[in-house]
């Protein structure tokens, strides 16, 4: 049987999601825990690949089991076994061909910045040293929605077949001591959200104009865009699936 794991993690202590030899990753940590508890080698497939230091408040992965799993008991055991910076929300059965990565229909990321020192949010935001123009950054975010090719914001030399992404949301909002950028799309390119955020902040601090942003997008050249923001301000906040089609209802 195949199962989905719904989880969250603070990425500060990990070199991203994906297993890397000799480095701590979320995938490796979770696989080791599952292998121990299920008493058989258990590989998992995640819904995406977050980079070093990036967080996820909503993440899914799948694994296969030869025998039926008591999902409530396994959830409890994993939460007792795993380090405190990884939390398992739920484990549930899905159809045999359900895939955590390929069946996701949309993903939402948020990036948090502040011009203040926030001692209780250390490692969960990126500090800037100016007050950005929120209205202008939202004009830039709206401009992004006019485009589908985001080559200018993609990490170079990756093996993706296309740089086309269909954005359905891009907006900035002020929340107490922070500015938060939310972006939703059917897919994202490597480093895309952090480079888009950095470019929009250039707009918000007066280093870039709206016409300049349009030129950056249309040049399809990563070197034209702004600097990539640090990882600690980035969160994967929502992954969407057609659950009514892939989830198996258990009694």
C-alpha atoms as a PDB file:
ATOM      1  CA  UNK A   1       0.000   0.000   0.000  1.00  0.00           C
ATOM      2  CA  UNK A   2       1.038   3.597  -0.529  1.00  0.00           C
ATOM      3  CA  UNK A   3       0.767   6.256   2.154  1.00  0.00           C
ATOM      4  CA  UNK A   4       1.065  10.025   2.246  1.00  0.00           C
ATOM      5  CA  UNK A   5       2.787  11.766   5.156  1.00  0.00           C
ATOM      6  CA  UNK A   6       1.666  15.309   5.954  1.00  0.00           C
ATOM      7  CA  UNK A   7       4.439  17.081   7.836  1.00  0.00           C
ATOM      8  CA  UNK A   8       6.171  20.356   8.675  1.00  0.00           C
ATOM      9  CA  UNK A   9       9.744  21.246   9.500  1.00  0.00           C
ATOM     10  CA  UNK A  10      12.058  24.041  10.520  1.00  0.00           C
ATOM     11  CA  UNK A  11      14.865  23.853   7.985  1.00  0.00           C
ATOM     12  CA  UNK A  12      17.542  25.659  10.006  1.00  0.00           C
ATOM     13  CA  UNK A  13      19.416  22.490  10.957  1.00  0.00           C
ATOM     14  CA  UNK A  14      19.132  20.756   7.578  1.00  0.00           C
ATOM     15  CA  UNK A  15      20.831  20.965   4.204  1.00  0.00           C
ATOM     16  CA  UNK A  16      17.467  20.997   2.488  1.00  0.00           C
ATOM     17  CA  UNK A  17      14.912  18.251   1.972  1.00  0.00           C
ATOM     18  CA  UNK A  18      16.729  15.918  -0.385  1.00  0.00           C
ATOM     19  CA  UNK A  19      19.179  13.296   0.863  1.00  0.00           C
ATOM     20  CA  UNK A  20      22.834  14.240   0.354  1.00  0.00           C
ATOM     21  CA  UNK A  21      25.765  12.017   1.325  1.00  0.00           C
ATOM     22  CA  UNK A  22      27.272  13.019   4.657  1.00  0.00           C
ATOM     23  CA  UNK A  23      24.888  15.933   5.239  1.00  0.00           C
ATOM     24  CA  UNK A  24      21.803  16.223   7.468  1.00  0.00           C
ATOM     25  CA  UNK A  25      18.585  16.481   5.454  1.00  0.00           C
ATOM     26  CA  UNK A  26      14.895  16.177   6.273  1.00  0.00           C
ATOM     27  CA  UNK A  27      14.372  13.280   3.868  1.00  0.00           C
ATOM     28  CA  UNK A  28      17.251  11.285   5.325  1.00  0.00           C
ATOM     29  CA  UNK A  29      16.081  11.918   8.890  1.00  0.00           C
ATOM     30  CA  UNK A  30      12.534  10.815   8.104  1.00  0.00           C
ATOM     31  CA  UNK A  31      13.640   7.758   6.125  1.00  0.00           C
ATOM     32  CA  UNK A  32      15.832   6.591   8.984  1.00  0.00           C
ATOM     33  CA  UNK A  33      12.939   6.964  11.425  1.00  0.00           C
ATOM     34  CA  UNK A  34      10.524   5.059   9.177  1.00  0.00           C
ATOM     35  CA  UNK A  35      13.061   2.322   8.531  1.00  0.00           C
ATOM     36  CA  UNK A  36      13.549   1.852  12.267  1.00  0.00           C
ATOM     37  CA  UNK A  37       9.855   1.868  13.157  1.00  0.00           C
ATOM     38  CA  UNK A  38       8.649  -0.282  10.230  1.00  0.00           C
ATOM     39  CA  UNK A  39      11.667  -2.597  10.546  1.00  0.00           C
ATOM     40  CA  UNK A  40      12.392  -2.556   6.832  1.00  0.00           C
ATOM     41  CA  UNK A  41      14.240  -0.138   4.496  1.00  0.00           C
ATOM     42  CA  UNK A  42      11.695   2.547   3.631  1.00  0.00           C
ATOM     43  CA  UNK A  43      12.299   5.190   0.987  1.00  0.00           C
ATOM     44  CA  UNK A  44      10.153   8.308   0.724  1.00  0.00           C
ATOM     45  CA  UNK A  45       9.417  10.760  -2.106  1.00  0.00           C
ATOM     46  CA  UNK A  46       8.766  14.394  -1.266  1.00  0.00           C
ATOM     47  CA  UNK A  47       6.476  16.908  -2.917  1.00  0.00           C
ATOM     48  CA  UNK A  48       9.477  19.117  -3.729  1.00  0.00           C
ATOM     49  CA  UNK A  49      13.024  20.040  -2.835  1.00  0.00           C
ATOM     50  CA  UNK A  50      13.482  22.853  -0.372  1.00  0.00           C
ATOM     51  CA  UNK A  51      16.997  24.283  -0.178  1.00  0.00           C
ATOM     52  CA  UNK A  52      19.312  24.482   2.827  1.00  0.00           C
ATOM     53  CA  UNK A  53      17.719  26.496   5.627  1.00  0.00           C
ATOM     54  CA  UNK A  54      14.280  26.777   3.982  1.00  0.00           C
ATOM     55  CA  UNK A  55      11.227  25.880   6.083  1.00  0.00           C
ATOM     56  CA  UNK A  56       7.967  24.091   5.306  1.00  0.00           C
ATOM     57  CA  UNK A  57       4.759  24.509   7.283  1.00  0.00           C
ATOM     58  CA  UNK A  58       2.914  22.293   4.788  1.00  0.00           C
ATOM     59  CA  UNK A  59       4.755  19.400   3.128  1.00  0.00           C
ATOM     60  CA  UNK A  60       3.830  15.967   1.803  1.00  0.00           C
ATOM     61  CA  UNK A  61       5.793  12.825   1.048  1.00  0.00           C
ATOM     62  CA  UNK A  62       4.806   9.274   0.121  1.00  0.00           C
ATOM     63  CA  UNK A  63       6.141   5.824   0.933  1.00  0.00           C
ATOM     64  CA  UNK A  64       5.179   2.229   0.187  1.00  0.00           C
ATOM     65  CA  UNK A  65       4.548  -0.503   2.749  1.00  0.00           C
ATOM     66  CA  UNK A  66       4.177  -4.227   2.152  1.00  0.00           C
ATOM     67  CA  UNK A  67       1.685  -4.549   5.028  1.00  0.00           C
ATOM     68  CA  UNK A  68      -1.166  -2.322   6.115  1.00  0.00           C
ATOM     69  CA  UNK A  69       0.003   0.404   8.481  1.00  0.00           C
ATOM     70  CA  UNK A  70      -1.748   1.627  11.612  1.00  0.00           C
ATOM     71  CA  UNK A  71      -1.493   5.276  10.565  1.00  0.00           C
ATOM     72  CA  UNK A  72      -2.466   6.813  13.908  1.00  0.00           C
ATOM     73  CA  UNK A  73       0.033   4.709  15.800  1.00  0.00           C
ATOM     74  CA  UNK A  74       2.795   5.394  13.285  1.00  0.00           C
ATOM     75  CA  UNK A  75       2.100   9.135  13.449  1.00  0.00           C
ATOM     76  CA  UNK A  76       2.414   9.040  17.237  1.00  0.00           C
ATOM     77  CA  UNK A  77       5.620   6.973  17.130  1.00  0.00           C
ATOM     78  CA  UNK A  78       7.250   9.192  14.516  1.00  0.00           C
ATOM     79  CA  UNK A  79       6.531  12.319  16.530  1.00  0.00           C
ATOM     80  CA  UNK A  80       8.127  10.638  19.551  1.00  0.00           C
ATOM     81  CA  UNK A  81      11.121   9.471  17.523  1.00  0.00           C
ATOM     82  CA  UNK A  82      11.910  12.465  15.335  1.00  0.00           C
ATOM     83  CA  UNK A  83      13.737  15.639  16.455  1.00  0.00           C
ATOM     84  CA  UNK A  84      11.602  18.555  17.623  1.00  0.00           C
ATOM     85  CA  UNK A  85      12.088  20.528  14.396  1.00  0.00           C
ATOM     86  CA  UNK A  86      10.065  17.983  12.369  1.00  0.00           C
ATOM     87  CA  UNK A  87       6.359  17.411  13.063  1.00  0.00           C
ATOM     88  CA  UNK A  88       4.097  14.767  11.524  1.00  0.00           C
ATOM     89  CA  UNK A  89       0.508  15.966  11.183  1.00  0.00           C
ATOM     90  CA  UNK A  90      -1.072  12.910   9.606  1.00  0.00           C
ATOM     91  CA  UNK A  91      -0.394   9.711   7.674  1.00  0.00           C
ATOM     92  CA  UNK A  92      -3.105   8.390   5.356  1.00  0.00           C
ATOM     93  CA  UNK A  93      -3.565   5.738   2.666  1.00  0.00           C
ATOM     94  CA  UNK A  94      -3.695   6.771  -0.979  1.00  0.00           C
ATOM     95  CA  UNK A  95      -4.142   5.024  -4.305  1.00  0.00           C
ATOM     96  CA  UNK A  96      -1.183   2.980  -5.498  1.00  0.00           C
ATOM     97  CA  UNK A  97      -0.327   5.433  -8.282  1.00  0.00           C
ATOM     98  CA  UNK A  98      -0.629   8.597  -6.163  1.00  0.00           C
ATOM     99  CA  UNK A  99       2.563  10.673  -6.212  1.00  0.00           C
ATOM    100  CA  UNK A 100       3.522  13.358  -3.712  1.00  0.00           C
ATOM    101  CA  UNK A 101       5.395  15.393  -6.299  1.00  0.00           C
ATOM    102  CA  UNK A 102       3.607  14.868  -9.594  1.00  0.00           C
ATOM    103  CA  UNK A 103       0.033  14.944  -8.287  1.00  0.00           C
ATOM    104  CA  UNK A 104       0.433  18.346  -6.629  1.00  0.00           C
ATOM    105  CA  UNK A 105      -1.638  20.900  -8.526  1.00  0.00           C
ATOM    106  CA  UNK A 106      -0.310  24.077  -6.882  1.00  0.00           C
ATOM    107  CA  UNK A 107       2.181  25.256  -4.296  1.00  0.00           C
ATOM    108  CA  UNK A 108       2.301  28.420  -2.219  1.00  0.00           C
ATOM    109  CA  UNK A 109       5.414  30.012  -0.743  1.00  0.00           C
ATOM    110  CA  UNK A 110       5.823  32.954   1.617  1.00  0.00           C
ATOM    111  CA  UNK A 111       8.894  35.069   2.211  1.00  0.00           C
ATOM    112  CA  UNK A 112       9.226  37.084   5.452  1.00  0.00           C
ATOM    113  CA  UNK A 113      11.332  40.240   5.845  1.00  0.00           C
ATOM    114  CA  UNK A 114      11.578  42.920   8.509  1.00  0.00           C
ATOM    115  CA  UNK A 115      13.589  46.083   9.104  1.00  0.00           C
ATOM    116  CA  UNK A 116      13.568  45.338  12.838  1.00  0.00           C
ATOM    117  CA  UNK A 117      15.466  42.906  15.014  1.00  0.00           C
ATOM    118  CA  UNK A 118      12.945  40.250  16.040  1.00  0.00           C
ATOM    119  CA  UNK A 119      14.521  38.104  18.782  1.00  0.00           C
ATOM    120  CA  UNK A 120      11.657  35.603  18.936  1.00  0.00           C
ATOM    121  CA  UNK A 121      11.692  35.035  15.184  1.00  0.00           C
ATOM    122  CA  UNK A 122      15.405  34.503  14.682  1.00  0.00           C
ATOM    123  CA  UNK A 123      16.011  32.153  11.774  1.00  0.00           C
ATOM    124  CA  UNK A 124      12.452  32.666  10.519  1.00  0.00           C
ATOM    125  CA  UNK A 125      12.807  35.926   8.590  1.00  0.00           C
ATOM    126  CA  UNK A 126      15.378  37.967   6.703  1.00  0.00           C
ATOM    127  CA  UNK A 127      16.354  41.375   8.020  1.00  0.00           C
ATOM    128  CA  UNK A 128      16.504  44.378   5.726  1.00  0.00           C
ATOM    129  CA  UNK A 129      17.747  47.869   6.629  1.00  0.00           C
ATOM    130  CA  UNK A 130      15.199  50.083   4.901  1.00  0.00           C
ATOM    131  CA  UNK A 131      11.431  50.467   4.720  1.00  0.00           C
ATOM    132  CA  UNK A 132      10.291  49.289   1.291  1.00  0.00           C
ATOM    133  CA  UNK A 133       7.497  50.859  -0.746  1.00  0.00           C
ATOM    134  CA  UNK A 134       4.759  48.237  -0.348  1.00  0.00           C
ATOM    135  CA  UNK A 135       2.486  49.737  -2.992  1.00  0.00           C
ATOM    136  CA  UNK A 136       5.247  49.725  -5.606  1.00  0.00           C
ATOM    137  CA  UNK A 137       6.213  46.135  -4.788  1.00  0.00           C
ATOM    138  CA  UNK A 138       2.610  45.058  -5.248  1.00  0.00           C
ATOM    139  CA  UNK A 139       2.542  46.787  -8.612  1.00  0.00           C
ATOM    140  CA  UNK A 140       5.612  44.732  -9.485  1.00  0.00           C
ATOM    141  CA  UNK A 141       3.949  41.560  -8.198  1.00  0.00           C
ATOM    142  CA  UNK A 142       0.945  42.263 -10.422  1.00  0.00           C
ATOM    143  CA  UNK A 143       3.293  42.734 -13.357  1.00  0.00           C
ATOM    144  CA  UNK A 144       4.741  39.262 -12.729  1.00  0.00           C
ATOM    145  CA  UNK A 145       1.266  37.810 -13.231  1.00  0.00           C
ATOM    146  CA  UNK A 146       1.353  38.916 -16.873  1.00  0.00           C
ATOM    147  CA  UNK A 147       4.164  36.473 -17.660  1.00  0.00           C
ATOM    148  CA  UNK A 148       4.728  32.712 -17.811  1.00  0.00           C
ATOM    149  CA  UNK A 149       8.446  32.408 -18.619  1.00  0.00           C
ATOM    150  CA  UNK A 150      10.527  32.966 -15.477  1.00  0.00           C
ATOM    151  CA  UNK A 151      13.961  32.124 -16.850  1.00  0.00           C
ATOM    152  CA  UNK A 152      15.322  35.364 -15.380  1.00  0.00           C
ATOM    153  CA  UNK A 153      14.616  34.057 -11.885  1.00  0.00           C
ATOM    154  CA  UNK A 154      15.731  30.456 -12.317  1.00  0.00           C
ATOM    155  CA  UNK A 155      18.934  28.930 -11.001  1.00  0.00           C
ATOM    156  CA  UNK A 156      21.377  28.347 -13.839  1.00  0.00           C
ATOM    157  CA  UNK A 157      22.387  24.936 -15.194  1.00  0.00           C
ATOM    158  CA  UNK A 158      19.442  22.935 -13.886  1.00  0.00           C
ATOM    159  CA  UNK A 159      17.896  20.067 -15.838  1.00  0.00           C
ATOM    160  CA  UNK A 160      14.297  21.294 -16.059  1.00  0.00           C
ATOM    161  CA  UNK A 161      12.609  20.967 -19.448  1.00  0.00           C
ATOM    162  CA  UNK A 162      10.745  24.278 -19.265  1.00  0.00           C
ATOM    163  CA  UNK A 163      10.829  27.540 -17.325  1.00  0.00           C
ATOM    164  CA  UNK A 164       7.099  28.131 -17.806  1.00  0.00           C
ATOM    165  CA  UNK A 165       5.128  28.662 -14.573  1.00  0.00           C
ATOM    166  CA  UNK A 166       1.490  29.696 -14.216  1.00  0.00           C
ATOM    167  CA  UNK A 167       1.204  32.129 -11.326  1.00  0.00           C
ATOM    168  CA  UNK A 168      -2.200  32.499  -9.672  1.00  0.00           C
ATOM    169  CA  UNK A 169      -1.188  34.790  -6.794  1.00  0.00           C
ATOM    170  CA  UNK A 170       1.633  37.236  -6.073  1.00  0.00           C
ATOM    171  CA  UNK A 171       1.217  39.880  -3.376  1.00  0.00           C
ATOM    172  CA  UNK A 172       2.911  41.675  -0.490  1.00  0.00           C
ATOM    173  CA  UNK A 173       1.241  42.499   2.816  1.00  0.00           C
ATOM    174  CA  UNK A 174       2.327  44.082   6.080  1.00  0.00           C
ATOM    175  CA  UNK A 175       1.905  41.960   9.203  1.00  0.00           C
ATOM    176  CA  UNK A 176       2.829  43.620  12.488  1.00  0.00           C
ATOM    177  CA  UNK A 177       6.646  43.870  12.322  1.00  0.00           C
ATOM    178  CA  UNK A 178       7.078  42.052   8.997  1.00  0.00           C
ATOM    179  CA  UNK A 179       6.432  42.329   5.293  1.00  0.00           C
ATOM    180  CA  UNK A 180       5.336  39.021   3.785  1.00  0.00           C
ATOM    181  CA  UNK A 181       5.413  38.092   0.110  1.00  0.00           C
ATOM    182  CA  UNK A 182       3.014  35.311  -0.927  1.00  0.00           C
ATOM    183  CA  UNK A 183       3.267  33.599  -4.307  1.00  0.00           C
ATOM    184  CA  UNK A 184       1.240  30.667  -5.678  1.00  0.00           C
ATOM    185  CA  UNK A 185       1.875  28.718  -8.878  1.00  0.00           C
ATOM    186  CA  UNK A 186       1.392  25.321 -10.455  1.00  0.00           C
ATOM    187  CA  UNK A 187       5.170  24.874 -10.258  1.00  0.00           C
ATOM    188  CA  UNK A 188       8.338  26.749  -9.278  1.00  0.00           C
ATOM    189  CA  UNK A 189      11.894  26.809 -10.583  1.00  0.00           C
ATOM    190  CA  UNK A 190      14.980  26.328  -8.422  1.00  0.00           C
ATOM    191  CA  UNK A 191      15.661  29.510  -6.431  1.00  0.00           C
ATOM    192  CA  UNK A 192      12.775  31.289  -8.158  1.00  0.00           C
ATOM    193  CA  UNK A 193      10.950  32.629  -5.096  1.00  0.00           C
ATOM    194  CA  UNK A 194      14.083  33.980  -3.431  1.00  0.00           C
ATOM    195  CA  UNK A 195      15.262  35.735  -6.597  1.00  0.00           C
ATOM    196  CA  UNK A 196      11.800  37.159  -7.333  1.00  0.00           C
ATOM    197  CA  UNK A 197      11.639  38.444  -3.746  1.00  0.00           C
ATOM    198  CA  UNK A 198      15.058  40.069  -4.008  1.00  0.00           C
ATOM    199  CA  UNK A 199      14.128  41.755  -7.281  1.00  0.00           C
ATOM    200  CA  UNK A 200      10.829  43.086  -5.906  1.00  0.00           C
ATOM    201  CA  UNK A 201      12.666  44.438  -2.856  1.00  0.00           C
ATOM    202  CA  UNK A 202      15.014  46.271  -5.240  1.00  0.00           C
ATOM    203  CA  UNK A 203      11.861  47.822  -6.664  1.00  0.00           C
ATOM    204  CA  UNK A 204      10.621  48.688  -3.187  1.00  0.00           C
ATOM    205  CA  UNK A 205      13.840  50.433  -2.173  1.00  0.00           C
ATOM    206  CA  UNK A 206      14.074  52.491  -5.382  1.00  0.00           C
ATOM    207  CA  UNK A 207      16.914  50.585  -7.068  1.00  0.00           C
ATOM    208  CA  UNK A 208      14.605  49.394  -9.848  1.00  0.00           C
ATOM    209  CA  UNK A 209      11.639  50.765 -11.794  1.00  0.00           C
ATOM    210  CA  UNK A 210       8.571  48.928 -13.075  1.00  0.00           C
ATOM    211  CA  UNK A 211       9.882  49.309 -16.624  1.00  0.00           C
ATOM    212  CA  UNK A 212      13.179  47.889 -15.425  1.00  0.00           C
ATOM    213  CA  UNK A 213      11.377  44.898 -13.895  1.00  0.00           C
ATOM    214  CA  UNK A 214       9.579  44.253 -17.181  1.00  0.00           C
ATOM    215  CA  UNK A 215      12.907  44.371 -19.026  1.00  0.00           C
ATOM    216  CA  UNK A 216      14.427  41.880 -16.566  1.00  0.00           C
ATOM    217  CA  UNK A 217      11.596  39.400 -17.131  1.00  0.00           C
ATOM    218  CA  UNK A 218      11.697  39.745 -20.904  1.00  0.00           C
ATOM    219  CA  UNK A 219      15.485  39.370 -21.133  1.00  0.00           C
ATOM    220  CA  UNK A 220      15.208  35.793 -19.809  1.00  0.00           C
ATOM    221  CA  UNK A 221      18.636  36.148 -18.233  1.00  0.00           C
ATOM    222  CA  UNK A 222      19.255  35.262 -14.585  1.00  0.00           C
ATOM    223  CA  UNK A 223      22.140  37.726 -14.405  1.00  0.00           C
ATOM    224  CA  UNK A 224      19.695  40.575 -15.040  1.00  0.00           C
ATOM    225  CA  UNK A 225      17.563  39.959 -11.947  1.00  0.00           C
ATOM    226  CA  UNK A 226      18.196  40.996  -8.362  1.00  0.00           C
ATOM    227  CA  UNK A 227      20.148  39.059  -5.772  1.00  0.00           C
ATOM    228  CA  UNK A 228      18.644  35.945  -4.266  1.00  0.00           C
ATOM    229  CA  UNK A 229      17.398  36.449  -0.715  1.00  0.00           C
ATOM    230  CA  UNK A 230      18.756  34.318   2.168  1.00  0.00           C
ATOM    231  CA  UNK A 231      16.971  30.994   2.798  1.00  0.00           C
ATOM    232  CA  UNK A 232      15.756  31.528   6.367  1.00  0.00           C
ATOM    233  CA  UNK A 233      12.894  33.848   5.363  1.00  0.00           C
ATOM    234  CA  UNK A 234      11.316  31.329   2.977  1.00  0.00           C
ATOM    235  CA  UNK A 235       8.460  28.967   3.845  1.00  0.00           C
ATOM    236  CA  UNK A 236       6.570  26.437   1.756  1.00  0.00           C
ATOM    237  CA  UNK A 237       3.110  27.089   3.202  1.00  0.00           C
ATOM    238  CA  UNK A 238       0.665  25.082   1.096  1.00  0.00           C
ATOM    239  CA  UNK A 239       0.698  22.138  -1.297  1.00  0.00           C
ATOM    240  CA  UNK A 240      -2.589  21.328  -3.049  1.00  0.00           C
ATOM    241  CA  UNK A 241      -3.833  17.951  -4.318  1.00  0.00           C
ATOM    242  CA  UNK A 242      -7.027  16.436  -5.724  1.00  0.00           C
ATOM    243  CA  UNK A 243      -7.489  14.526  -2.457  1.00  0.00           C
ATOM    244  CA  UNK A 244     -10.962  13.335  -3.440  1.00  0.00           C
ATOM    245  CA  UNK A 245      -9.301  11.361  -6.254  1.00  0.00           C
ATOM    246  CA  UNK A 246      -6.179   9.989  -4.565  1.00  0.00           C
ATOM    247  CA  UNK A 247      -7.062   9.491  -0.909  1.00  0.00           C
ATOM    248  CA  UNK A 248      -8.500   6.175   0.315  1.00  0.00           C
ATOM    249  CA  UNK A 249     -11.128   6.559   2.997  1.00  0.00           C
ATOM    250  CA  UNK A 250     -10.449   4.165   5.853  1.00  0.00           C
ATOM    251  CA  UNK A 251     -12.966   3.050   8.436  1.00  0.00           C
END
